C-alpha atoms as a PDB file:
ATOM      1  CA  MET A   1       1.003 -53.265 -68.067  1.00  0.00           C
ATOM      2  CA  ALA A   2      -0.518 -50.247 -69.230  1.00  0.00           C
ATOM      3  CA  ILE A   3       0.778 -46.696 -68.186  1.00  0.00           C
ATOM      4  CA  THR A   4      -2.380 -44.313 -67.104  1.00  0.00           C
ATOM      5  CA  HIS A   5      -1.870 -40.740 -67.115  1.00  0.00           C
ATOM      6  CA  PRO A   6      -3.848 -38.092 -66.080  1.00  0.00           C
ATOM      7  CA  VAL A   7      -6.018 -36.870 -69.109  1.00  0.00           C
ATOM      8  CA  ASP A   8      -8.344 -34.113 -69.765  1.00  0.00           C
ATOM      9  CA  VAL A   9     -10.977 -35.996 -71.651  1.00  0.00           C
ATOM     10  CA  THR A  10     -12.642 -32.347 -73.517  1.00  0.00           C
ATOM     11  CA  SER A  11      -9.713 -30.914 -74.784  1.00  0.00           C
ATOM     12  CA  PRO A  12      -6.604 -29.543 -74.253  1.00  0.00           C
ATOM     13  CA  ARG A  13      -6.019 -26.670 -72.326  1.00  0.00           C
ATOM     14  CA  ASP A  14      -3.356 -23.907 -72.938  1.00  0.00           C
ATOM     15  CA  GLU A  15      -3.791 -21.865 -69.960  1.00  0.00           C
ATOM     16  CA  PHE A  16      -3.447 -23.354 -66.018  1.00  0.00           C
ATOM     17  CA  GLU A  17      -4.103 -21.727 -63.561  1.00  0.00           C
ATOM     18  CA  ILE A  18      -1.164 -21.433 -60.965  1.00  0.00           C
ATOM     19  CA  ARG A  19      -0.685 -20.317 -57.399  1.00  0.00           C
ATOM     20  CA  LYS A  20       1.614 -17.596 -55.808  1.00  0.00           C
ATOM     21  CA  ILE A  21       4.553 -19.558 -53.771  1.00  0.00           C
ATOM     22  CA  GLY A  22       6.966 -18.573 -51.275  1.00  0.00           C
ATOM     23  CA  LEU A  23      10.071 -19.653 -49.833  1.00  0.00           C
ATOM     24  CA  GLU A  24       7.243 -22.128 -47.143  1.00  0.00           C
ATOM     25  CA  ASP A  25       6.411 -23.734 -49.660  1.00  0.00           C
ATOM     26  CA  LEU A  26       9.841 -24.842 -50.876  1.00  0.00           C
ATOM     27  CA  ARG A  27      10.444 -26.311 -47.608  1.00  0.00           C
ATOM     28  CA  ILE A  28       8.149 -27.847 -48.393  1.00  0.00           C
ATOM     29  CA  ALA A  29       8.440 -29.023 -51.074  1.00  0.00           C
ATOM     30  CA  LEU A  30      12.579 -30.071 -49.757  1.00  0.00           C
ATOM     31  CA  ARG A  31      10.484 -31.946 -47.165  1.00  0.00           C
ATOM     32  CA  GLN A  32       8.257 -33.699 -49.245  1.00  0.00           C
ATOM     33  CA  GLY A  33      11.335 -34.631 -51.643  1.00  0.00           C
ATOM     34  CA  TRP A  34      13.501 -36.131 -48.874  1.00  0.00           C
ATOM     35  CA  GLU A  35      10.491 -38.438 -47.898  1.00  0.00           C
ATOM     36  CA  ASP A  36       9.678 -40.243 -50.988  1.00  0.00           C
ATOM     37  CA  PHE A  37      13.785 -40.581 -51.164  1.00  0.00           C
ATOM     38  CA  GLN A  38      13.751 -42.246 -47.872  1.00  0.00           C
ATOM     39  CA  ALA A  39      10.877 -44.724 -49.190  1.00  0.00           C
ATOM     40  CA  LYS A  40      12.142 -45.030 -52.385  1.00  0.00           C
ATOM     41  CA  ARG A  41      16.065 -44.907 -51.393  1.00  0.00           C
ATOM     42  CA  GLY A  42      16.631 -48.822 -51.717  1.00  0.00           C
ATOM     43  CA  ASP A  43      15.487 -48.899 -55.029  1.00  0.00           C
ATOM     44  CA  LEU A  44      16.965 -46.012 -56.612  1.00  0.00           C
ATOM     45  CA  ILE A  45      20.579 -45.096 -55.097  1.00  0.00           C
ATOM     46  CA  PHE A  46      21.892 -46.645 -57.775  1.00  0.00           C
ATOM     47  CA  LEU A  47      19.351 -44.955 -60.833  1.00  0.00           C
ATOM     48  CA  GLY A  48      20.852 -41.745 -59.022  1.00  0.00           C
ATOM     49  CA  LEU A  49      24.382 -42.954 -59.833  1.00  0.00           C
ATOM     50  CA  ILE A  50      23.907 -42.532 -63.481  1.00  0.00           C
ATOM     51  CA  TYR A  51      23.896 -38.999 -64.213  1.00  0.00           C
ATOM     52  CA  PRO A  52      27.984 -38.712 -61.795  1.00  0.00           C
ATOM     53  CA  LEU A  53      28.883 -40.967 -64.083  1.00  0.00           C
ATOM     54  CA  VAL A  54      27.694 -39.483 -67.108  1.00  0.00           C
ATOM     55  CA  VAL A  55      29.209 -36.133 -65.534  1.00  0.00           C
ATOM     56  CA  LEU A  56      32.759 -37.849 -64.868  1.00  0.00           C
ATOM     57  CA  PHE A  57      32.720 -38.649 -68.216  1.00  0.00           C
ATOM     58  CA  ALA A  58      32.111 -35.147 -69.186  1.00  0.00           C
ATOM     59  CA  ILE A  59      35.334 -34.148 -67.109  1.00  0.00           C
ATOM     60  CA  LEU A  60      37.832 -37.413 -68.254  1.00  0.00           C
ATOM     61  CA  ALA A  61      36.954 -36.441 -71.659  1.00  0.00           C
ATOM     62  CA  ALA A  62      37.143 -32.118 -71.043  1.00  0.00           C
ATOM     63  CA  SER A  63      41.030 -33.011 -69.526  1.00  0.00           C
ATOM     64  CA  GLN A  64      42.182 -32.828 -72.709  1.00  0.00           C
ATOM     65  CA  VAL A  65      44.136 -30.261 -73.431  1.00  0.00           C
ATOM     66  CA  SER A  66      42.469 -29.740 -76.685  1.00  0.00           C
ATOM     67  CA  ILE A  67      38.853 -28.687 -74.622  1.00  0.00           C
ATOM     68  CA  LEU A  68      40.304 -27.703 -71.599  1.00  0.00           C
ATOM     69  CA  PRO A  69      38.515 -24.250 -72.077  1.00  0.00           C
ATOM     70  CA  LEU A  70      35.259 -26.023 -71.941  1.00  0.00           C
ATOM     71  CA  LEU A  71      35.461 -27.948 -68.329  1.00  0.00           C
ATOM     72  CA  PHE A  72      33.726 -25.745 -66.646  1.00  0.00           C
ATOM     73  CA  PRO A  73      30.900 -24.996 -69.258  1.00  0.00           C
ATOM     74  CA  LEU A  74      30.442 -28.467 -69.717  1.00  0.00           C
ATOM     75  CA  LEU A  75      30.239 -29.253 -65.877  1.00  0.00           C
ATOM     76  CA  THR A  76      28.049 -26.257 -65.138  1.00  0.00           C
ATOM     77  CA  GLY A  77      25.967 -27.000 -68.402  1.00  0.00           C
ATOM     78  CA  ALA A  78      25.352 -30.609 -67.896  1.00  0.00           C
ATOM     79  CA  VAL A  79      23.290 -29.092 -64.583  1.00  0.00           C
ATOM     80  CA  LEU A  80      20.436 -28.227 -67.514  1.00  0.00           C
ATOM     81  CA  PHE A  81      19.942 -31.553 -68.499  1.00  0.00           C
ATOM     82  CA  SER A  82      18.765 -32.684 -64.638  1.00  0.00           C
ATOM     83  CA  PRO A  83      15.532 -31.920 -65.369  1.00  0.00           C
ATOM     84  CA  PRO A  84      15.065 -34.489 -67.995  1.00  0.00           C
ATOM     85  CA  LEU A  85      16.787 -36.875 -66.542  1.00  0.00           C
ATOM     86  CA  ALA A  86      14.871 -36.473 -63.086  1.00  0.00           C
ATOM     87  CA  SER A  87      11.482 -37.568 -65.706  1.00  0.00           C
ATOM     88  CA  GLY A  88      11.109 -40.955 -63.772  1.00  0.00           C
ATOM     89  CA  PHE A  89      11.268 -39.992 -60.841  1.00  0.00           C
ATOM     90  CA  TYR A  90       8.456 -37.312 -61.098  1.00  0.00           C
ATOM     91  CA  GLU A  91       6.621 -40.393 -62.712  1.00  0.00           C
ATOM     92  CA  LEU A  92       7.836 -42.215 -59.514  1.00  0.00           C
ATOM     93  CA  ALA A  93       6.357 -39.601 -57.319  1.00  0.00           C
ATOM     94  CA  ARG A  94       3.306 -39.327 -59.559  1.00  0.00           C
ATOM     95  CA  ARG A  95       2.385 -42.736 -58.857  1.00  0.00           C
ATOM     96  CA  ARG A  96       3.267 -42.877 -55.191  1.00  0.00           C
ATOM     97  CA  GLU A  97       0.830 -39.684 -54.825  1.00  0.00           C
ATOM     98  CA  GLN A  98      -2.397 -41.582 -56.575  1.00  0.00           C
ATOM     99  CA  GLY A  99      -1.534 -44.792 -54.531  1.00  0.00           C
ATOM    100  CA  LEU A 100      -0.101 -46.862 -57.444  1.00  0.00           C
ATOM    101  CA  ASP A 101       3.099 -49.034 -58.146  1.00  0.00           C
ATOM    102  CA  SER A 102       5.751 -47.340 -57.601  1.00  0.00           C
ATOM    103  CA  ARG A 103       8.218 -49.907 -57.862  1.00  0.00           C
ATOM    104  CA  TRP A 104      11.790 -48.621 -59.845  1.00  0.00           C
ATOM    105  CA  ARG A 105      10.417 -50.641 -62.712  1.00  0.00           C
ATOM    106  CA  HIS A 106       8.213 -47.694 -63.677  1.00  0.00           C
ATOM    107  CA  PHE A 107      11.136 -45.295 -64.103  1.00  0.00           C
ATOM    108  CA  LEU A 108      11.199 -45.516 -67.610  1.00  0.00           C
ATOM    109  CA  ASP A 109       7.481 -45.035 -67.972  1.00  0.00           C
ATOM    110  CA  VAL A 110       7.704 -41.667 -68.866  1.00  0.00           C
ATOM    111  CA  VAL A 111       9.473 -42.629 -72.526  1.00  0.00           C
ATOM    112  CA  ARG A 112       7.205 -45.551 -73.078  1.00  0.00           C
ATOM    113  CA  GLY A 113       3.861 -43.917 -72.807  1.00  0.00           C
ATOM    114  CA  PRO A 114       2.079 -40.712 -73.789  1.00  0.00           C
ATOM    115  CA  SER A 115       4.058 -38.007 -72.846  1.00  0.00           C
ATOM    116  CA  ALA A 116       7.334 -39.405 -74.415  1.00  0.00           C
ATOM    117  CA  PRO A 117       7.327 -36.978 -77.727  1.00  0.00           C
ATOM    118  CA  SER A 118       6.168 -34.272 -75.502  1.00  0.00           C
ATOM    119  CA  LEU A 119       8.925 -35.076 -73.117  1.00  0.00           C
ATOM    120  CA  PHE A 120      11.684 -35.528 -76.141  1.00  0.00           C
ATOM    121  CA  ASP A 121      10.338 -32.261 -77.823  1.00  0.00           C
ATOM    122  CA  LEU A 122      11.319 -30.474 -74.385  1.00  0.00           C
ATOM    123  CA  THR A 123      14.418 -32.037 -73.766  1.00  0.00           C
ATOM    124  CA  SER A 124      15.770 -31.008 -77.575  1.00  0.00           C
ATOM    125  CA  VAL A 125      15.151 -27.793 -76.502  1.00  0.00           C
ATOM    126  CA  THR A 126      16.951 -27.372 -73.242  1.00  0.00           C
ATOM    127  CA  ALA A 127      19.714 -29.762 -75.383  1.00  0.00           C
ATOM    128  CA  MET A 128      19.590 -26.578 -77.917  1.00  0.00           C
ATOM    129  CA  LEU A 129      19.770 -24.024 -75.126  1.00  0.00           C
ATOM    130  CA  PHE A 130      23.205 -26.522 -73.735  1.00  0.00           C
ATOM    131  CA  LEU A 131      24.994 -25.700 -77.247  1.00  0.00           C
ATOM    132  CA  GLY A 132      24.114 -22.403 -77.547  1.00  0.00           C
ATOM    133  CA  TRP A 133      25.950 -22.162 -73.687  1.00  0.00           C
ATOM    134  CA  ILE A 134      28.881 -24.618 -74.477  1.00  0.00           C
ATOM    135  CA  GLY A 135      28.682 -22.045 -78.350  1.00  0.00           C
ATOM    136  CA  ALA A 136      29.140 -18.584 -76.017  1.00  0.00           C
ATOM    137  CA  ALA A 137      31.365 -19.947 -74.007  1.00  0.00           C
ATOM    138  CA  TRP A 138      33.922 -21.258 -76.328  1.00  0.00           C
ATOM    139  CA  PHE A 139      33.833 -17.801 -78.137  1.00  0.00           C
ATOM    140  CA  THR A 140      34.391 -15.698 -74.887  1.00  0.00           C
ATOM    141  CA  TYR A 141      37.575 -17.875 -74.016  1.00  0.00           C
ATOM    142  CA  GLN A 142      38.471 -17.379 -78.490  1.00  0.00           C
ATOM    143  CA  TRP A 143      38.374 -13.726 -77.303  1.00  0.00           C
ATOM    144  CA  THR A 144      39.686 -13.404 -74.117  1.00  0.00           C
ATOM    145  CA  VAL A 145      42.474 -15.912 -73.079  1.00  0.00           C
ATOM    146  CA  GLY A 146      42.660 -17.405 -76.245  1.00  0.00           C
ATOM    147  CA  GLN A 147      44.245 -14.505 -77.398  1.00  0.00           C
ATOM    148  CA  LEU A 148      47.526 -15.226 -75.746  1.00  0.00           C
ATOM    149  CA  GLY A 149      48.003 -17.869 -77.528  1.00  0.00           C
ATOM    150  CA  SER A 150      48.568 -21.861 -77.576  1.00  0.00           C
ATOM    151  CA  GLU A 151      50.965 -21.986 -75.033  1.00  0.00           C
ATOM    152  CA  ALA A 152      47.569 -20.715 -72.416  1.00  0.00           C
ATOM    153  CA  VAL A 153      46.503 -24.110 -72.891  1.00  0.00           C
ATOM    154  CA  SER A 154      49.702 -26.221 -72.752  1.00  0.00           C
ATOM    155  CA  SER A 155      48.904 -27.616 -69.511  1.00  0.00           C
ATOM    156  CA  ILE A 156      46.107 -27.912 -67.233  1.00  0.00           C
ATOM    157  CA  GLY A 157      49.379 -25.302 -64.764  1.00  0.00           C
ATOM    158  CA  ALA A 158      49.171 -23.247 -67.941  1.00  0.00           C
ATOM    159  CA  PHE A 159      45.667 -22.827 -68.071  1.00  0.00           C
ATOM    160  CA  LEU A 160      45.177 -21.825 -64.786  1.00  0.00           C
ATOM    161  CA  ASN A 161      47.876 -19.395 -64.845  1.00  0.00           C
ATOM    162  CA  ALA A 162      46.110 -17.517 -68.058  1.00  0.00           C
ATOM    163  CA  VAL A 163      42.473 -17.821 -66.357  1.00  0.00           C
ATOM    164  CA  PHE A 164      43.635 -16.586 -62.342  1.00  0.00           C
ATOM    165  CA  GLY A 165      47.175 -14.539 -63.294  1.00  0.00           C
ATOM    166  CA  THR A 166      45.893 -12.022 -66.725  1.00  0.00           C
ATOM    167  CA  ALA A 167      43.606  -9.746 -67.364  1.00  0.00           C
ATOM    168  CA  GLU A 168      42.307 -11.350 -70.008  1.00  0.00           C
ATOM    169  CA  GLY A 169      41.263 -14.159 -67.990  1.00  0.00           C
ATOM    170  CA  TRP A 170      39.322 -12.109 -65.698  1.00  0.00           C
ATOM    171  CA  ARG A 171      37.546 -10.830 -68.192  1.00  0.00           C
ATOM    172  CA  MET A 172      36.743 -14.259 -69.288  1.00  0.00           C
ATOM    173  CA  ILE A 173      35.281 -15.023 -65.889  1.00  0.00           C
ATOM    174  CA  ILE A 174      33.878 -11.256 -65.570  1.00  0.00           C
ATOM    175  CA  ILE A 175      32.049 -11.778 -69.300  1.00  0.00           C
ATOM    176  CA  GLY A 176      31.519 -15.995 -69.321  1.00  0.00           C
ATOM    177  CA  ASN A 177      30.017 -15.806 -65.499  1.00  0.00           C
ATOM    178  CA  LEU A 178      27.033 -12.834 -66.873  1.00  0.00           C
ATOM    179  CA  ILE A 179      26.529 -14.466 -70.265  1.00  0.00           C
ATOM    180  CA  GLY A 180      26.091 -18.251 -67.560  1.00  0.00           C
ATOM    181  CA  LEU A 181      23.368 -16.497 -65.321  1.00  0.00           C
ATOM    182  CA  CYS A 182      21.557 -15.244 -68.926  1.00  0.00           C
ATOM    183  CA  PHE A 183      21.807 -18.844 -69.768  1.00  0.00           C
ATOM    184  CA  ALA A 184      20.671 -19.986 -65.735  1.00  0.00           C
ATOM    185  CA  ILE A 185      17.764 -17.805 -65.486  1.00  0.00           C
ATOM    186  CA  VAL A 186      16.258 -18.865 -69.092  1.00  0.00           C
ATOM    187  CA  ALA A 187      16.683 -22.729 -67.892  1.00  0.00           C
ATOM    188  CA  LEU A 188      15.152 -22.034 -64.584  1.00  0.00           C
ATOM    189  CA  ALA A 189      12.262 -20.191 -65.997  1.00  0.00           C
ATOM    190  CA  ILE A 190      11.754 -23.042 -68.780  1.00  0.00           C
ATOM    191  CA  SER A 191      12.074 -26.185 -66.329  1.00  0.00           C
ATOM    192  CA  VAL A 192      10.956 -24.902 -63.141  1.00  0.00           C
ATOM    193  CA  VAL A 193       7.545 -27.048 -63.380  1.00  0.00           C
ATOM    194  CA  SER A 194       7.564 -28.117 -67.578  1.00  0.00           C
ATOM    195  CA  PHE A 195       9.772 -31.623 -67.021  1.00  0.00           C
ATOM    196  CA  PRO A 196       6.550 -32.649 -64.285  1.00  0.00           C
ATOM    197  CA  MET A 197       4.250 -30.859 -66.316  1.00  0.00           C
ATOM    198  CA  ILE A 198       4.652 -33.144 -69.040  1.00  0.00           C
ATOM    199  CA  VAL A 199       4.698 -36.015 -66.755  1.00  0.00           C
ATOM    200  CA  ASP A 200       1.286 -35.476 -65.356  1.00  0.00           C
ATOM    201  CA  LYS A 201      -0.613 -34.384 -68.017  1.00  0.00           C
ATOM    202  CA  LYS A 202      -1.278 -34.643 -71.360  1.00  0.00           C
ATOM    203  CA  VAL A 203       0.462 -31.391 -72.698  1.00  0.00           C
ATOM    204  CA  ASN A 204       2.182 -30.587 -75.366  1.00  0.00           C
ATOM    205  CA  TRP A 205       5.905 -28.823 -74.579  1.00  0.00           C
ATOM    206  CA  GLY A 206       4.730 -25.439 -75.778  1.00  0.00           C
ATOM    207  CA  VAL A 207       2.158 -25.129 -73.115  1.00  0.00           C
ATOM    208  CA  ALA A 208       4.348 -26.833 -70.555  1.00  0.00           C
ATOM    209  CA  MET A 209       7.232 -24.457 -71.600  1.00  0.00           C
ATOM    210  CA  ARG A 210       4.732 -20.906 -71.362  1.00  0.00           C
ATOM    211  CA  THR A 211       2.711 -22.219 -67.952  1.00  0.00           C
ATOM    212  CA  SER A 212       6.952 -23.009 -66.232  1.00  0.00           C
ATOM    213  CA  VAL A 213       7.317 -19.137 -67.430  1.00  0.00           C
ATOM    214  CA  ARG A 214       4.206 -18.327 -65.740  1.00  0.00           C
ATOM    215  CA  VAL A 215       5.433 -19.676 -62.798  1.00  0.00           C
ATOM    216  CA  ALA A 216       8.795 -18.364 -62.927  1.00  0.00           C
ATOM    217  CA  TRP A 217       7.464 -14.588 -63.852  1.00  0.00           C
ATOM    218  CA  ASN A 218       4.931 -14.605 -60.960  1.00  0.00           C
ATOM    219  CA  ASN A 219       6.884 -15.719 -58.449  1.00  0.00           C
ATOM    220  CA  PRO A 220      10.539 -14.394 -59.420  1.00  0.00           C
ATOM    221  CA  VAL A 221      11.618 -14.204 -55.887  1.00  0.00           C
ATOM    222  CA  THR A 222      11.267 -18.232 -54.875  1.00  0.00           C
ATOM    223  CA  VAL A 223      12.028 -19.303 -57.907  1.00  0.00           C
ATOM    224  CA  ALA A 224      15.387 -17.663 -58.096  1.00  0.00           C
ATOM    225  CA  ALA A 225      15.626 -19.245 -54.511  1.00  0.00           C
ATOM    226  CA  TRP A 226      14.822 -22.811 -55.507  1.00  0.00           C
ATOM    227  CA  GLY A 227      17.850 -22.285 -58.645  1.00  0.00           C
ATOM    228  CA  LEU A 228      19.767 -21.146 -55.673  1.00  0.00           C
ATOM    229  CA  ILE A 229      19.000 -24.214 -53.801  1.00  0.00           C
ATOM    230  CA  VAL A 230      19.725 -25.926 -56.582  1.00  0.00           C
ATOM    231  CA  VAL A 231      22.687 -25.574 -57.355  1.00  0.00           C
ATOM    232  CA  ALA A 232      23.556 -25.689 -53.998  1.00  0.00           C
ATOM    233  CA  LEU A 233      22.600 -28.845 -53.731  1.00  0.00           C
ATOM    234  CA  LEU A 234      24.400 -30.073 -56.617  1.00  0.00           C
ATOM    235  CA  VAL A 235      27.506 -28.378 -55.890  1.00  0.00           C
ATOM    236  CA  LEU A 236      27.244 -30.314 -52.246  1.00  0.00           C
ATOM    237  CA  GLY A 237      26.424 -33.982 -53.918  1.00  0.00           C
ATOM    238  CA  ALA A 238      30.133 -33.378 -56.053  1.00  0.00           C
ATOM    239  CA  LEU A 239      31.988 -32.331 -53.482  1.00  0.00           C
ATOM    240  CA  PRO A 240      32.575 -36.031 -52.301  1.00  0.00           C
ATOM    241  CA  GLY A 241      34.223 -37.506 -55.676  1.00  0.00           C
ATOM    242  CA  LEU A 242      30.332 -36.681 -57.104  1.00  0.00           C
ATOM    243  CA  VAL A 243      28.920 -39.835 -54.689  1.00  0.00           C
ATOM    244  CA  GLY A 244      26.592 -37.264 -53.156  1.00  0.00           C
ATOM    245  CA  LEU A 245      24.965 -36.915 -56.348  1.00  0.00           C
ATOM    246  CA  ALA A 246      23.309 -40.038 -55.550  1.00  0.00           C
ATOM    247  CA  VAL A 247      21.253 -38.545 -53.099  1.00  0.00           C
ATOM    248  CA  VAL A 248      20.639 -35.201 -54.237  1.00  0.00           C
ATOM    249  CA  LEU A 249      19.536 -35.870 -57.655  1.00  0.00           C
ATOM    250  CA  PRO A 250      16.421 -38.224 -56.231  1.00  0.00           C
ATOM    251  CA  LEU A 251      15.755 -35.866 -53.672  1.00  0.00           C
ATOM    252  CA  LEU A 252      15.527 -32.945 -56.303  1.00  0.00           C
ATOM    253  CA  GLY A 253      13.528 -34.888 -58.456  1.00  0.00           C
ATOM    254  CA  TYR A 254      10.959 -35.460 -55.915  1.00  0.00           C
ATOM    255  CA  ALA A 255      11.131 -32.016 -54.334  1.00  0.00           C
ATOM    256  CA  THR A 256      10.447 -30.804 -58.401  1.00  0.00           C
ATOM    257  CA  TRP A 257       7.392 -32.967 -58.475  1.00  0.00           C
ATOM    258  CA  HIS A 258       6.215 -31.708 -55.546  1.00  0.00           C
ATOM    259  CA  LEU A 259       6.928 -27.924 -56.215  1.00  0.00           C
ATOM    260  CA  TYR A 260       4.933 -28.673 -59.190  1.00  0.00           C
ATOM    261  CA  THR A 261       1.880 -29.534 -57.638  1.00  0.00           C
ATOM    262  CA  ARG A 262       1.947 -26.858 -55.209  1.00  0.00           C
ATOM    263  CA  ALA A 263       2.568 -23.941 -58.076  1.00  0.00           C
ATOM    264  CA  VAL A 264       0.258 -25.571 -60.691  1.00  0.00           C
ATOM    265  CA  VAL A 265      -3.580 -26.021 -60.106  1.00  0.00           C
ATOM    266  CA  ARG A 266      -4.284 -29.564 -61.238  1.00  0.00           C
END
């Protein structure tokens, strides 16, 4: 079956008009996302478990003492991959909006359709940002707690004592969180609407990313609030053994689509 996407039949546009959005738009986007989730929960609940399994694998890998210092950076950095992994939910929300068949079998249409190259390129940018964050976190660790020697990571207990019981550990916490905040701001700005835009329109990753940055630049408070909502929901979803992410991730995927439709003139 052919995959249909809205296409600009004249020429690709480099600039799209954006709107001012407020906290009420976030509330509406979340409500509409919840409605989408309720309509599709029977089909998609198991798809929402894919990402928790990936995160769980990262936890198990990081439990090895050799990479114990990267446990927190790996978990927080995994959030960067939420937008590309949610692309299937954007596609389903788009199809439901247009009255098309939105059953779960269309979840992977985005990797088979004309959006796939741009989606891959933007995901690669996200991956490079993730690697940059891991590298920065490792450098910060080496410069602080790493100076205490190998005994600081001889066990989980020793590592926690080094982090919370030494000046080097608190220096790592403060510097690491400030660096992480910078990465989070960049990640949020380039991805807040770029991935759903690529699913929706025939645009390259550069246009989608610039549009996303413009949305963030013109709506800094609203986009910052959205980022806090995303983090809060992911934390809440992760608390009950990561199982809650099976609900949170589809909800955020659908809500992000509706946020995009409110922020960008289509």
